[in-house]
Amino acid sequence: MSTKTESDVFFKTKETAWEQADTGITRQIVAHNSDLMVVSVKFEKGAIGTVHDHIHTQGSYVVSGKFEITINGKSEILEAGDGFYVPPNAPHGAKCLEAGILIDSFNPAREDF
C-alpha cells in the first residue's frame, strides 16, 4: 500500500500506474485510509485470482467482463453490473472468463498491498 496514511481525495486513472498483482492481473489503488481501501483490478481472459482468505470484509463490483467467483466453496458466474460480498476469513477466488475489471473495497485497508 502507499506509504501515505490516506490517499488524495480525487483519483484519476490516467495519473496512476497499474501494478502487477499476479499473472494476467493488474491493479490500481483508487482510495484508502486505515479504515477503507478501494482497488480497481484488471483481469486478462483466463487469469486466476487464486483462492485465498484475509481478515478484511470485502465488497466487489463487476465493472466489465465475466468471472467465475468462488466464495466458501460456492461458485457463481457474474457479469458487468453484478457484485459479491466476502465475509472476513472466507476462502474466495476468481477465474476470468472474459477480460474485465472488478472494483474491490476492503475494510480495514489491506496493508499487504
C-alpha atoms as a PDB file:
ATOM      1  CA  MET A   1       0.000   0.000   0.000  1.00  0.00           C
ATOM      2  CA  SER A   2       1.074   3.582  -0.441  1.00  0.00           C
ATOM      3  CA  THR A   3       3.341   4.896   2.281  1.00  0.00           C
ATOM      4  CA  LYS A   4       0.859   7.747   2.798  1.00  0.00           C
ATOM      5  CA  THR A   5      -1.712   7.098   5.523  1.00  0.00           C
ATOM      6  CA  GLU A   6      -4.509   8.143   3.202  1.00  0.00           C
ATOM      7  CA  SER A   7      -4.992   8.801  -0.471  1.00  0.00           C
ATOM      8  CA  ASP A   8      -5.705  12.088  -2.167  1.00  0.00           C
ATOM      9  CA  VAL A   9      -9.402  12.942  -2.206  1.00  0.00           C
ATOM     10  CA  PHE A  10      -9.590  12.642  -6.013  1.00  0.00           C
ATOM     11  CA  PHE A  11      -8.339   9.759  -8.157  1.00  0.00           C
ATOM     12  CA  LYS A  12      -7.549   9.966 -11.870  1.00  0.00           C
ATOM     13  CA  THR A  13      -6.855   6.668 -13.600  1.00  0.00           C
ATOM     14  CA  LYS A  14      -4.604   8.296 -16.232  1.00  0.00           C
ATOM     15  CA  GLU A  15      -2.329   9.626 -13.495  1.00  0.00           C
ATOM     16  CA  THR A  16      -1.961   6.359 -11.565  1.00  0.00           C
ATOM     17  CA  ALA A  17       0.221   3.448 -12.676  1.00  0.00           C
ATOM     18  CA  TRP A  18      -1.171  -0.081 -12.765  1.00  0.00           C
ATOM     19  CA  GLU A  19       0.872  -2.536 -10.688  1.00  0.00           C
ATOM     20  CA  GLN A  20       1.247  -6.249 -11.333  1.00  0.00           C
ATOM     21  CA  ALA A  21      -0.771  -8.275  -8.811  1.00  0.00           C
ATOM     22  CA  ASP A  22      -0.441 -11.739 -10.392  1.00  0.00           C
ATOM     23  CA  THR A  23      -0.157 -13.331 -13.836  1.00  0.00           C
ATOM     24  CA  GLY A  24      -2.679 -11.547 -16.062  1.00  0.00           C
ATOM     25  CA  ILE A  25      -3.883  -9.345 -13.179  1.00  0.00           C
ATOM     26  CA  THR A  26      -3.018  -5.683 -12.545  1.00  0.00           C
ATOM     27  CA  ARG A  27      -4.422  -3.216 -10.029  1.00  0.00           C
ATOM     28  CA  GLN A  28      -4.693   0.462  -9.138  1.00  0.00           C
ATOM     29  CA  ILE A  29      -5.361   1.621  -5.591  1.00  0.00           C
ATOM     30  CA  VAL A  30      -8.160   4.153  -6.033  1.00  0.00           C
ATOM     31  CA  ALA A  31      -8.609   5.395  -2.464  1.00  0.00           C
ATOM     32  CA  HIS A  32      -7.525   4.423   1.022  1.00  0.00           C
ATOM     33  CA  ASN A  33      -7.115   5.284   4.648  1.00  0.00           C
ATOM     34  CA  SER A  34      -6.733   2.889   7.575  1.00  0.00           C
ATOM     35  CA  ASP A  35     -10.463   2.027   7.554  1.00  0.00           C
ATOM     36  CA  LEU A  36     -11.178   1.573   3.838  1.00  0.00           C
ATOM     37  CA  MET A  37      -9.436   0.659   0.598  1.00  0.00           C
ATOM     38  CA  VAL A  38     -10.917   0.739  -2.915  1.00  0.00           C
ATOM     39  CA  VAL A  39      -8.982  -1.020  -5.687  1.00  0.00           C
ATOM     40  CA  SER A  40      -9.567  -1.370  -9.429  1.00  0.00           C
ATOM     41  CA  VAL A  41      -8.421  -4.823 -10.579  1.00  0.00           C
ATOM     42  CA  LYS A  42      -7.955  -5.607 -14.291  1.00  0.00           C
ATOM     43  CA  PHE A  43      -8.014  -9.267 -15.421  1.00  0.00           C
ATOM     44  CA  GLU A  44      -6.959 -10.742 -18.742  1.00  0.00           C
ATOM     45  CA  LYS A  45      -9.096 -13.617 -20.034  1.00  0.00           C
ATOM     46  CA  GLY A  46      -8.084 -16.839 -18.269  1.00  0.00           C
ATOM     47  CA  ALA A  47      -6.361 -15.089 -15.346  1.00  0.00           C
ATOM     48  CA  ILE A  48      -6.883 -16.725 -11.969  1.00  0.00           C
ATOM     49  CA  GLY A  49      -7.278 -14.920  -8.668  1.00  0.00           C
ATOM     50  CA  THR A  50      -6.024 -17.807  -6.525  1.00  0.00           C
ATOM     51  CA  VAL A  51      -8.256 -18.892  -3.637  1.00  0.00           C
ATOM     52  CA  HIS A  52      -7.167 -17.042  -0.503  1.00  0.00           C
ATOM     53  CA  ASP A  53      -8.609 -15.531   2.653  1.00  0.00           C
ATOM     54  CA  HIS A  54      -7.970 -12.457   4.788  1.00  0.00           C
ATOM     55  CA  ILE A  55      -9.364 -10.748   7.867  1.00  0.00           C
ATOM     56  CA  HIS A  56     -10.877  -7.937   5.796  1.00  0.00           C
ATOM     57  CA  THR A  57     -14.519  -7.573   4.837  1.00  0.00           C
ATOM     58  CA  GLN A  58     -14.666  -7.270   1.030  1.00  0.00           C
ATOM     59  CA  GLY A  59     -17.326  -5.974  -1.331  1.00  0.00           C
ATOM     60  CA  SER A  60     -16.723  -6.193  -5.088  1.00  0.00           C
ATOM     61  CA  TYR A  61     -18.463  -4.850  -8.184  1.00  0.00           C
ATOM     62  CA  VAL A  62     -18.041  -6.236 -11.714  1.00  0.00           C
ATOM     63  CA  VAL A  63     -17.412  -3.249 -13.996  1.00  0.00           C
ATOM     64  CA  SER A  64     -16.846  -5.320 -17.143  1.00  0.00           C
ATOM     65  CA  GLY A  65     -16.093  -8.855 -18.281  1.00  0.00           C
ATOM     66  CA  LYS A  66     -17.310 -12.193 -16.970  1.00  0.00           C
ATOM     67  CA  PHE A  67     -15.989 -14.002 -13.904  1.00  0.00           C
ATOM     68  CA  GLU A  68     -16.494 -17.265 -12.077  1.00  0.00           C
ATOM     69  CA  ILE A  69     -16.359 -16.204  -8.426  1.00  0.00           C
ATOM     70  CA  THR A  70     -15.985 -18.796  -5.668  1.00  0.00           C
ATOM     71  CA  ILE A  71     -16.696 -17.938  -2.022  1.00  0.00           C
ATOM     72  CA  ASN A  72     -16.680 -20.586   0.723  1.00  0.00           C
ATOM     73  CA  GLY A  73     -16.733 -23.314  -1.952  1.00  0.00           C
ATOM     74  CA  LYS A  74     -19.806 -21.946  -3.782  1.00  0.00           C
ATOM     75  CA  SER A  75     -19.333 -20.609  -7.329  1.00  0.00           C
ATOM     76  CA  GLU A  76     -21.392 -18.203  -9.436  1.00  0.00           C
ATOM     77  CA  ILE A  77     -20.868 -16.650 -12.867  1.00  0.00           C
ATOM     78  CA  LEU A  78     -21.001 -12.855 -12.613  1.00  0.00           C
ATOM     79  CA  GLU A  79     -21.059 -10.212 -15.356  1.00  0.00           C
ATOM     80  CA  ALA A  80     -20.987  -6.420 -15.605  1.00  0.00           C
ATOM     81  CA  GLY A  81     -23.308  -4.873 -13.039  1.00  0.00           C
ATOM     82  CA  ASP A  82     -23.149  -7.848 -10.653  1.00  0.00           C
ATOM     83  CA  GLY A  83     -21.285  -7.902  -7.366  1.00  0.00           C
ATOM     84  CA  PHE A  84     -20.319 -10.036  -4.396  1.00  0.00           C
ATOM     85  CA  TYR A  85     -19.588  -9.872  -0.675  1.00  0.00           C
ATOM     86  CA  VAL A  86     -16.771 -11.750   1.051  1.00  0.00           C
ATOM     87  CA  PRO A  87     -17.013 -12.111   4.844  1.00  0.00           C
ATOM     88  CA  PRO A  88     -13.795 -11.964   6.891  1.00  0.00           C
ATOM     89  CA  ASN A  89     -11.665 -15.139   6.677  1.00  0.00           C
ATOM     90  CA  ALA A  90     -13.820 -16.697   3.912  1.00  0.00           C
ATOM     91  CA  PRO A  91     -11.808 -18.564   1.242  1.00  0.00           C
ATOM     92  CA  HIS A  92     -12.502 -16.935  -2.128  1.00  0.00           C
ATOM     93  CA  GLY A  93     -11.082 -16.658  -5.632  1.00  0.00           C
ATOM     94  CA  ALA A  94     -11.880 -15.634  -9.197  1.00  0.00           C
ATOM     95  CA  LYS A  95     -11.443 -17.032 -12.680  1.00  0.00           C
ATOM     96  CA  CYS A  96     -11.725 -14.521 -15.510  1.00  0.00           C
ATOM     97  CA  LEU A  97     -13.897 -15.928 -18.315  1.00  0.00           C
ATOM     98  CA  GLU A  98     -13.939 -12.699 -20.378  1.00  0.00           C
ATOM     99  CA  ALA A  99     -11.395  -9.898 -19.811  1.00  0.00           C
ATOM    100  CA  GLY A 100     -12.717  -7.348 -17.366  1.00  0.00           C
ATOM    101  CA  ILE A 101     -12.393  -5.164 -14.312  1.00  0.00           C
ATOM    102  CA  LEU A 102     -13.506  -5.601 -10.708  1.00  0.00           C
ATOM    103  CA  ILE A 103     -13.742  -2.813  -8.151  1.00  0.00           C
ATOM    104  CA  ASP A 104     -12.813  -4.258  -4.742  1.00  0.00           C
ATOM    105  CA  SER A 105     -13.390  -2.461  -1.455  1.00  0.00           C
ATOM    106  CA  PHE A 106     -11.890  -3.626   1.828  1.00  0.00           C
ATOM    107  CA  ASN A 107     -12.435  -2.796   5.475  1.00  0.00           C
ATOM    108  CA  PRO A 108     -10.000  -2.258   7.062  1.00  0.00           C
ATOM    109  CA  ALA A 109      -7.484  -1.290   4.380  1.00  0.00           C
ATOM    110  CA  ARG A 110      -5.208  -4.056   3.048  1.00  0.00           C
ATOM    111  CA  GLU A 111      -1.773  -3.242   4.403  1.00  0.00           C
ATOM    112  CA  ASP A 112      -0.248  -6.079   2.338  1.00  0.00           C
ATOM    113  CA  PHE A 113      -0.859  -4.236  -0.970  1.00  0.00           C
END
